[in-house]
């Protein structure tokens, strides 16, 4: 019988977090470090005075992704956890959405996650063990007005995750998504303050938005050995928004 570590320790694990310089990614990176992981942030805007190791990376550029992952391997020699948190939300009614906004959204939210997962996944498969966690959204489950590109990217990310989960779990690598509601990062607060936010909160059974650390808590669980049997799941942290 396997003993499950209910402390959700990440001691000794090497974790890579894209988009880790701010928002949800930063919360996850800090939480992983607090649980004992060696964390490397990949971001276009690398903090100069951060406590965690940071590597510049454009997730939409294959050469940049390769260079960044190679740097992580030179530093640590392995990667145990990958969190794809880099993302953009360029919103407009579908008939007004520009091709530039469409292409950027798909490039960052979907193609970027694929490039990182493919590169890091090969390493994890060689190791015989690893965990990939993709940040999706409640917009991967339900349609949201003015979110044509965003919903397409997040629905696609959940689909990609399920395919990888099916292909890789037998070789020791699990792949899952976390799908938050609005999260009260600096950007989230600004985007959803006032009457617009109040109307949305009325549609969430818990009556509020999520805090970054609540998403980080889910990411800790999925990265831990306790979640070894969780594979291809979409963990909704949405206060029940999508059940209605």
C-alpha atoms as a PDB file:
ATOM      1  CA  UNK A   1       0.000   0.000   0.000  1.00  0.00           C
ATOM      2  CA  UNK A   2       1.333   3.445  -0.934  1.00  0.00           C
ATOM      3  CA  UNK A   3       1.593   5.996   1.840  1.00  0.00           C
ATOM      4  CA  UNK A   4       0.279   9.372   0.737  1.00  0.00           C
ATOM      5  CA  UNK A   5       2.133  12.456   1.982  1.00  0.00           C
ATOM      6  CA  UNK A   6      -0.705  14.648   3.199  1.00  0.00           C
ATOM      7  CA  UNK A   7       1.651  17.555   3.870  1.00  0.00           C
ATOM      8  CA  UNK A   8       1.785  18.148   0.089  1.00  0.00           C
ATOM      9  CA  UNK A   9       5.520  18.700   0.351  1.00  0.00           C
ATOM     10  CA  UNK A  10       7.459  19.796  -2.719  1.00  0.00           C
ATOM     11  CA  UNK A  11      10.864  19.380  -1.090  1.00  0.00           C
ATOM     12  CA  UNK A  12      13.612  18.949  -3.650  1.00  0.00           C
ATOM     13  CA  UNK A  13      11.345  19.280  -6.685  1.00  0.00           C
ATOM     14  CA  UNK A  14      12.355  21.612  -9.513  1.00  0.00           C
ATOM     15  CA  UNK A  15       9.372  23.647 -10.672  1.00  0.00           C
ATOM     16  CA  UNK A  16       9.142  25.899 -13.723  1.00  0.00           C
ATOM     17  CA  UNK A  17       6.374  28.536 -13.736  1.00  0.00           C
ATOM     18  CA  UNK A  18       5.665  30.559 -16.870  1.00  0.00           C
ATOM     19  CA  UNK A  19       4.201  34.006 -16.343  1.00  0.00           C
ATOM     20  CA  UNK A  20       5.648  33.789 -12.851  1.00  0.00           C
ATOM     21  CA  UNK A  21       6.639  37.437 -12.521  1.00  0.00           C
ATOM     22  CA  UNK A  22       3.126  38.609 -11.683  1.00  0.00           C
ATOM     23  CA  UNK A  23      -0.435  37.619 -10.917  1.00  0.00           C
ATOM     24  CA  UNK A  24      -1.425  33.988 -10.495  1.00  0.00           C
ATOM     25  CA  UNK A  25       1.961  32.763 -11.691  1.00  0.00           C
ATOM     26  CA  UNK A  26       3.749  34.774  -9.019  1.00  0.00           C
ATOM     27  CA  UNK A  27       1.435  33.413  -6.328  1.00  0.00           C
ATOM     28  CA  UNK A  28       2.088  29.840  -7.454  1.00  0.00           C
ATOM     29  CA  UNK A  29       5.845  30.383  -7.656  1.00  0.00           C
ATOM     30  CA  UNK A  30       5.958  31.807  -4.117  1.00  0.00           C
ATOM     31  CA  UNK A  31       3.768  29.004  -2.768  1.00  0.00           C
ATOM     32  CA  UNK A  32       5.950  26.336  -4.383  1.00  0.00           C
ATOM     33  CA  UNK A  33       9.068  27.877  -2.876  1.00  0.00           C
ATOM     34  CA  UNK A  34       7.396  27.929   0.549  1.00  0.00           C
ATOM     35  CA  UNK A  35       6.672  24.195   0.164  1.00  0.00           C
ATOM     36  CA  UNK A  36      10.332  23.443  -0.544  1.00  0.00           C
ATOM     37  CA  UNK A  37      10.573  23.484  -4.344  1.00  0.00           C
ATOM     38  CA  UNK A  38      13.399  24.985  -6.355  1.00  0.00           C
ATOM     39  CA  UNK A  39      11.457  27.420  -8.527  1.00  0.00           C
ATOM     40  CA  UNK A  40      12.431  28.977 -11.837  1.00  0.00           C
ATOM     41  CA  UNK A  41      10.216  31.716 -13.256  1.00  0.00           C
ATOM     42  CA  UNK A  42       9.956  32.076 -17.026  1.00  0.00           C
ATOM     43  CA  UNK A  43       8.615  35.443 -18.103  1.00  0.00           C
ATOM     44  CA  UNK A  44       9.166  38.162 -20.681  1.00  0.00           C
ATOM     45  CA  UNK A  45       9.416  40.702 -17.843  1.00  0.00           C
ATOM     46  CA  UNK A  46      12.013  39.209 -15.503  1.00  0.00           C
ATOM     47  CA  UNK A  47      12.077  40.861 -12.058  1.00  0.00           C
ATOM     48  CA  UNK A  48      15.502  42.276 -11.210  1.00  0.00           C
ATOM     49  CA  UNK A  49      15.198  41.965  -7.446  1.00  0.00           C
ATOM     50  CA  UNK A  50      13.121  38.817  -7.019  1.00  0.00           C
ATOM     51  CA  UNK A  51      14.041  36.076  -4.573  1.00  0.00           C
ATOM     52  CA  UNK A  52      13.420  33.312  -7.100  1.00  0.00           C
ATOM     53  CA  UNK A  53      15.513  32.400 -10.121  1.00  0.00           C
ATOM     54  CA  UNK A  54      14.080  34.046 -13.231  1.00  0.00           C
ATOM     55  CA  UNK A  55      14.827  33.392 -16.890  1.00  0.00           C
ATOM     56  CA  UNK A  56      13.659  35.554 -19.782  1.00  0.00           C
ATOM     57  CA  UNK A  57      11.335  33.682 -22.122  1.00  0.00           C
ATOM     58  CA  UNK A  58       8.811  34.481 -24.844  1.00  0.00           C
ATOM     59  CA  UNK A  59       6.488  31.464 -24.724  1.00  0.00           C
ATOM     60  CA  UNK A  60       5.311  32.093 -28.289  1.00  0.00           C
ATOM     61  CA  UNK A  61       8.826  31.726 -29.701  1.00  0.00           C
ATOM     62  CA  UNK A  62      10.155  28.184 -30.024  1.00  0.00           C
ATOM     63  CA  UNK A  63      13.806  29.251 -29.946  1.00  0.00           C
ATOM     64  CA  UNK A  64      13.225  31.306 -26.804  1.00  0.00           C
ATOM     65  CA  UNK A  65      11.436  28.386 -25.131  1.00  0.00           C
ATOM     66  CA  UNK A  66      14.254  26.002 -26.022  1.00  0.00           C
ATOM     67  CA  UNK A  67      16.908  28.384 -24.716  1.00  0.00           C
ATOM     68  CA  UNK A  68      15.041  28.970 -21.452  1.00  0.00           C
ATOM     69  CA  UNK A  69      14.413  25.285 -20.754  1.00  0.00           C
ATOM     70  CA  UNK A  70      18.025  24.471 -21.586  1.00  0.00           C
ATOM     71  CA  UNK A  71      19.095  27.091 -19.039  1.00  0.00           C
ATOM     72  CA  UNK A  72      16.893  25.507 -16.388  1.00  0.00           C
ATOM     73  CA  UNK A  73      18.467  22.131 -17.117  1.00  0.00           C
ATOM     74  CA  UNK A  74      21.951  23.592 -16.802  1.00  0.00           C
ATOM     75  CA  UNK A  75      20.984  25.033 -13.438  1.00  0.00           C
ATOM     76  CA  UNK A  76      19.183  22.024 -11.950  1.00  0.00           C
ATOM     77  CA  UNK A  77      19.572  19.017 -14.245  1.00  0.00           C
ATOM     78  CA  UNK A  78      15.894  18.055 -14.051  1.00  0.00           C
ATOM     79  CA  UNK A  79      12.355  19.474 -14.120  1.00  0.00           C
ATOM     80  CA  UNK A  80       9.674  17.891 -11.952  1.00  0.00           C
ATOM     81  CA  UNK A  81       6.805  20.349 -12.313  1.00  0.00           C
ATOM     82  CA  UNK A  82       5.753  22.683 -15.128  1.00  0.00           C
ATOM     83  CA  UNK A  83       3.054  25.298 -14.627  1.00  0.00           C
ATOM     84  CA  UNK A  84       1.873  27.090 -17.759  1.00  0.00           C
ATOM     85  CA  UNK A  85       0.450  30.300 -16.323  1.00  0.00           C
ATOM     86  CA  UNK A  86       1.476  32.846 -18.971  1.00  0.00           C
ATOM     87  CA  UNK A  87      -1.618  34.262 -20.601  1.00  0.00           C
ATOM     88  CA  UNK A  88      -3.372  37.237 -22.130  1.00  0.00           C
ATOM     89  CA  UNK A  89      -7.012  38.337 -22.300  1.00  0.00           C
ATOM     90  CA  UNK A  90      -7.752  40.514 -25.332  1.00  0.00           C
ATOM     91  CA  UNK A  91     -11.497  40.966 -25.337  1.00  0.00           C
ATOM     92  CA  UNK A  92     -13.987  42.319 -27.866  1.00  0.00           C
ATOM     93  CA  UNK A  93     -17.313  41.328 -29.406  1.00  0.00           C
ATOM     94  CA  UNK A  94     -16.676  38.607 -31.987  1.00  0.00           C
ATOM     95  CA  UNK A  95     -17.629  40.789 -34.947  1.00  0.00           C
ATOM     96  CA  UNK A  96     -15.135  43.439 -33.832  1.00  0.00           C
ATOM     97  CA  UNK A  97     -12.245  41.220 -32.741  1.00  0.00           C
ATOM     98  CA  UNK A  98      -9.085  41.967 -34.702  1.00  0.00           C
ATOM     99  CA  UNK A  99      -6.948  39.259 -36.226  1.00  0.00           C
ATOM    100  CA  UNK A 100      -4.012  40.608 -34.232  1.00  0.00           C
ATOM    101  CA  UNK A 101      -5.914  40.070 -30.981  1.00  0.00           C
ATOM    102  CA  UNK A 102      -7.039  36.598 -32.096  1.00  0.00           C
ATOM    103  CA  UNK A 103      -3.546  35.520 -33.131  1.00  0.00           C
ATOM    104  CA  UNK A 104      -1.870  36.881 -30.000  1.00  0.00           C
ATOM    105  CA  UNK A 105      -4.387  35.207 -27.707  1.00  0.00           C
ATOM    106  CA  UNK A 106      -4.006  31.801 -29.348  1.00  0.00           C
ATOM    107  CA  UNK A 107      -0.218  32.187 -29.569  1.00  0.00           C
ATOM    108  CA  UNK A 108       0.253  32.919 -25.858  1.00  0.00           C
ATOM    109  CA  UNK A 109      -2.538  30.935 -24.235  1.00  0.00           C
ATOM    110  CA  UNK A 110      -2.477  27.792 -26.364  1.00  0.00           C
ATOM    111  CA  UNK A 111       0.590  27.553 -28.586  1.00  0.00           C
ATOM    112  CA  UNK A 112       2.847  28.825 -25.805  1.00  0.00           C
ATOM    113  CA  UNK A 113       1.581  26.173 -23.429  1.00  0.00           C
ATOM    114  CA  UNK A 114       2.116  23.512 -26.098  1.00  0.00           C
ATOM    115  CA  UNK A 115       5.693  24.619 -26.826  1.00  0.00           C
ATOM    116  CA  UNK A 116       6.675  24.560 -23.141  1.00  0.00           C
ATOM    117  CA  UNK A 117       4.878  21.295 -22.474  1.00  0.00           C
ATOM    118  CA  UNK A 118       6.398  19.578 -25.473  1.00  0.00           C
ATOM    119  CA  UNK A 119       9.933  20.694 -24.587  1.00  0.00           C
ATOM    120  CA  UNK A 120       9.641  19.974 -20.864  1.00  0.00           C
ATOM    121  CA  UNK A 121       7.515  16.871 -21.450  1.00  0.00           C
ATOM    122  CA  UNK A 122      10.355  15.198 -23.330  1.00  0.00           C
ATOM    123  CA  UNK A 123      12.574  15.773 -20.294  1.00  0.00           C
ATOM    124  CA  UNK A 124       9.944  14.421 -17.907  1.00  0.00           C
ATOM    125  CA  UNK A 125       9.358  11.353 -20.066  1.00  0.00           C
ATOM    126  CA  UNK A 126      13.096  10.638 -20.028  1.00  0.00           C
ATOM    127  CA  UNK A 127      13.027  11.004 -16.233  1.00  0.00           C
ATOM    128  CA  UNK A 128      10.007   8.721 -15.986  1.00  0.00           C
ATOM    129  CA  UNK A 129       8.154  11.221 -13.820  1.00  0.00           C
ATOM    130  CA  UNK A 130       6.721  14.726 -13.927  1.00  0.00           C
ATOM    131  CA  UNK A 131       3.659  16.903 -13.510  1.00  0.00           C
ATOM    132  CA  UNK A 132       2.294  19.500 -15.907  1.00  0.00           C
ATOM    133  CA  UNK A 133      -0.327  21.983 -14.715  1.00  0.00           C
ATOM    134  CA  UNK A 134      -2.003  24.286 -17.228  1.00  0.00           C
ATOM    135  CA  UNK A 135      -3.910  27.387 -16.152  1.00  0.00           C
ATOM    136  CA  UNK A 136      -7.176  27.336 -18.036  1.00  0.00           C
ATOM    137  CA  UNK A 137     -10.273  29.257 -16.938  1.00  0.00           C
ATOM    138  CA  UNK A 138     -13.981  29.069 -16.267  1.00  0.00           C
ATOM    139  CA  UNK A 139     -13.970  30.312 -19.877  1.00  0.00           C
ATOM    140  CA  UNK A 140     -12.885  26.803 -20.841  1.00  0.00           C
ATOM    141  CA  UNK A 141     -16.251  25.438 -19.658  1.00  0.00           C
ATOM    142  CA  UNK A 142     -18.813  28.115 -20.479  1.00  0.00           C
ATOM    143  CA  UNK A 143     -19.200  30.813 -23.128  1.00  0.00           C
ATOM    144  CA  UNK A 144     -18.495  34.375 -22.026  1.00  0.00           C
ATOM    145  CA  UNK A 145     -19.493  37.438 -24.017  1.00  0.00           C
ATOM    146  CA  UNK A 146     -16.616  39.219 -25.804  1.00  0.00           C
ATOM    147  CA  UNK A 147     -14.344  36.245 -25.085  1.00  0.00           C
ATOM    148  CA  UNK A 148     -14.266  34.556 -28.518  1.00  0.00           C
ATOM    149  CA  UNK A 149     -10.468  34.273 -28.719  1.00  0.00           C
ATOM    150  CA  UNK A 150     -10.013  33.730 -24.986  1.00  0.00           C
ATOM    151  CA  UNK A 151     -12.626  30.970 -24.785  1.00  0.00           C
ATOM    152  CA  UNK A 152     -11.224  29.318 -27.905  1.00  0.00           C
ATOM    153  CA  UNK A 153      -7.725  29.320 -26.405  1.00  0.00           C
ATOM    154  CA  UNK A 154      -8.836  27.949 -23.042  1.00  0.00           C
ATOM    155  CA  UNK A 155     -11.202  25.317 -24.450  1.00  0.00           C
ATOM    156  CA  UNK A 156      -8.286  24.295 -26.652  1.00  0.00           C
ATOM    157  CA  UNK A 157      -5.944  24.149 -23.678  1.00  0.00           C
ATOM    158  CA  UNK A 158      -8.257  21.766 -21.829  1.00  0.00           C
ATOM    159  CA  UNK A 159      -8.451  19.577 -24.941  1.00  0.00           C
ATOM    160  CA  UNK A 160      -4.675  19.580 -25.339  1.00  0.00           C
ATOM    161  CA  UNK A 161      -4.289  18.686 -21.672  1.00  0.00           C
ATOM    162  CA  UNK A 162      -6.592  15.677 -21.972  1.00  0.00           C
ATOM    163  CA  UNK A 163      -4.704  14.342 -25.003  1.00  0.00           C
ATOM    164  CA  UNK A 164      -1.341  14.688 -23.249  1.00  0.00           C
ATOM    165  CA  UNK A 165      -2.769  13.145 -20.082  1.00  0.00           C
ATOM    166  CA  UNK A 166      -3.885  10.150 -22.107  1.00  0.00           C
ATOM    167  CA  UNK A 167      -0.590   9.781 -23.954  1.00  0.00           C
ATOM    168  CA  UNK A 168       1.851  10.355 -21.099  1.00  0.00           C
ATOM    169  CA  UNK A 169       0.409   9.073 -17.816  1.00  0.00           C
ATOM    170  CA  UNK A 170       1.514   5.513 -18.518  1.00  0.00           C
ATOM    171  CA  UNK A 171       5.060   6.820 -18.692  1.00  0.00           C
ATOM    172  CA  UNK A 172       4.923   8.674 -15.391  1.00  0.00           C
ATOM    173  CA  UNK A 173       3.831  12.169 -16.464  1.00  0.00           C
ATOM    174  CA  UNK A 174       0.432  13.534 -15.442  1.00  0.00           C
ATOM    175  CA  UNK A 175      -1.196  16.591 -17.015  1.00  0.00           C
ATOM    176  CA  UNK A 176      -4.056  18.605 -15.511  1.00  0.00           C
ATOM    177  CA  UNK A 177      -5.689  22.020 -15.704  1.00  0.00           C
ATOM    178  CA  UNK A 178      -6.852  24.521 -13.114  1.00  0.00           C
ATOM    179  CA  UNK A 179      -9.788  26.703 -14.155  1.00  0.00           C
ATOM    180  CA  UNK A 180     -10.308  29.769 -11.963  1.00  0.00           C
ATOM    181  CA  UNK A 181     -13.045  32.335 -11.956  1.00  0.00           C
ATOM    182  CA  UNK A 182     -11.940  35.982 -11.827  1.00  0.00           C
ATOM    183  CA  UNK A 183      -8.881  36.148  -9.591  1.00  0.00           C
ATOM    184  CA  UNK A 184      -8.103  39.262  -7.559  1.00  0.00           C
ATOM    185  CA  UNK A 185      -4.647  39.960  -8.918  1.00  0.00           C
ATOM    186  CA  UNK A 186      -3.787  43.613  -9.590  1.00  0.00           C
ATOM    187  CA  UNK A 187      -5.139  43.244 -13.125  1.00  0.00           C
ATOM    188  CA  UNK A 188      -8.204  41.339 -11.964  1.00  0.00           C
ATOM    189  CA  UNK A 189      -9.114  44.011  -9.435  1.00  0.00           C
ATOM    190  CA  UNK A 190      -8.847  46.782 -12.018  1.00  0.00           C
ATOM    191  CA  UNK A 191     -10.759  44.870 -14.692  1.00  0.00           C
ATOM    192  CA  UNK A 192     -13.670  43.891 -12.454  1.00  0.00           C
ATOM    193  CA  UNK A 193     -14.092  46.723  -9.985  1.00  0.00           C
ATOM    194  CA  UNK A 194     -17.380  48.575  -9.636  1.00  0.00           C
ATOM    195  CA  UNK A 195     -20.850  47.613 -10.921  1.00  0.00           C
ATOM    196  CA  UNK A 196     -19.486  45.285 -13.631  1.00  0.00           C
ATOM    197  CA  UNK A 197     -17.757  43.149 -11.007  1.00  0.00           C
ATOM    198  CA  UNK A 198     -20.720  43.299  -8.655  1.00  0.00           C
ATOM    199  CA  UNK A 199     -23.006  41.907 -11.364  1.00  0.00           C
ATOM    200  CA  UNK A 200     -20.635  39.023 -12.052  1.00  0.00           C
ATOM    201  CA  UNK A 201     -20.228  38.165  -8.360  1.00  0.00           C
ATOM    202  CA  UNK A 202     -23.997  37.864  -8.114  1.00  0.00           C
ATOM    203  CA  UNK A 203     -23.739  34.932 -10.557  1.00  0.00           C
ATOM    204  CA  UNK A 204     -21.146  33.096  -8.442  1.00  0.00           C
ATOM    205  CA  UNK A 205     -22.733  30.928  -5.723  1.00  0.00           C
ATOM    206  CA  UNK A 206     -20.023  31.809  -3.199  1.00  0.00           C
ATOM    207  CA  UNK A 207     -20.650  35.486  -3.908  1.00  0.00           C
ATOM    208  CA  UNK A 208     -17.063  36.555  -4.480  1.00  0.00           C
ATOM    209  CA  UNK A 209     -14.012  36.271  -6.696  1.00  0.00           C
ATOM    210  CA  UNK A 210     -10.981  34.098  -5.956  1.00  0.00           C
ATOM    211  CA  UNK A 211      -7.726  35.126  -4.325  1.00  0.00           C
ATOM    212  CA  UNK A 212      -4.376  34.258  -5.953  1.00  0.00           C
ATOM    213  CA  UNK A 213      -3.349  32.047  -3.033  1.00  0.00           C
ATOM    214  CA  UNK A 214      -6.484  29.942  -3.504  1.00  0.00           C
ATOM    215  CA  UNK A 215      -5.316  29.100  -7.015  1.00  0.00           C
ATOM    216  CA  UNK A 216      -1.817  28.473  -5.674  1.00  0.00           C
ATOM    217  CA  UNK A 217      -3.244  26.033  -3.128  1.00  0.00           C
ATOM    218  CA  UNK A 218      -4.786  23.974  -5.934  1.00  0.00           C
ATOM    219  CA  UNK A 219      -1.483  24.105  -7.816  1.00  0.00           C
ATOM    220  CA  UNK A 220       0.403  22.832  -4.753  1.00  0.00           C
ATOM    221  CA  UNK A 221      -1.878  19.821  -4.506  1.00  0.00           C
ATOM    222  CA  UNK A 222      -1.602  18.945  -8.195  1.00  0.00           C
ATOM    223  CA  UNK A 223       2.204  19.256  -8.078  1.00  0.00           C
ATOM    224  CA  UNK A 224       2.519  17.059  -5.007  1.00  0.00           C
ATOM    225  CA  UNK A 225       2.904  13.290  -4.894  1.00  0.00           C
ATOM    226  CA  UNK A 226      -0.525  13.120  -3.263  1.00  0.00           C
ATOM    227  CA  UNK A 227      -2.064  13.909  -6.666  1.00  0.00           C
ATOM    228  CA  UNK A 228      -0.412  11.050  -8.550  1.00  0.00           C
ATOM    229  CA  UNK A 229      -3.818   9.570  -9.469  1.00  0.00           C
ATOM    230  CA  UNK A 230      -5.217  12.886 -10.718  1.00  0.00           C
ATOM    231  CA  UNK A 231      -4.716  12.970 -14.475  1.00  0.00           C
ATOM    232  CA  UNK A 232      -6.545  14.777 -17.266  1.00  0.00           C
ATOM    233  CA  UNK A 233      -8.687  16.613 -14.735  1.00  0.00           C
ATOM    234  CA  UNK A 234      -9.938  20.184 -14.964  1.00  0.00           C
ATOM    235  CA  UNK A 235      -9.992  21.495 -11.393  1.00  0.00           C
ATOM    236  CA  UNK A 236     -12.511  24.336 -11.282  1.00  0.00           C
ATOM    237  CA  UNK A 237     -11.833  26.998  -8.667  1.00  0.00           C
ATOM    238  CA  UNK A 238     -14.782  29.162  -9.627  1.00  0.00           C
ATOM    239  CA  UNK A 239     -17.028  29.316  -6.590  1.00  0.00           C
ATOM    240  CA  UNK A 240     -19.591  27.285  -8.522  1.00  0.00           C
ATOM    241  CA  UNK A 241     -20.026  29.756 -11.405  1.00  0.00           C
ATOM    242  CA  UNK A 242     -20.059  27.036 -14.061  1.00  0.00           C
ATOM    243  CA  UNK A 243     -22.589  24.777 -12.317  1.00  0.00           C
ATOM    244  CA  UNK A 244     -25.476  27.089 -13.164  1.00  0.00           C
END
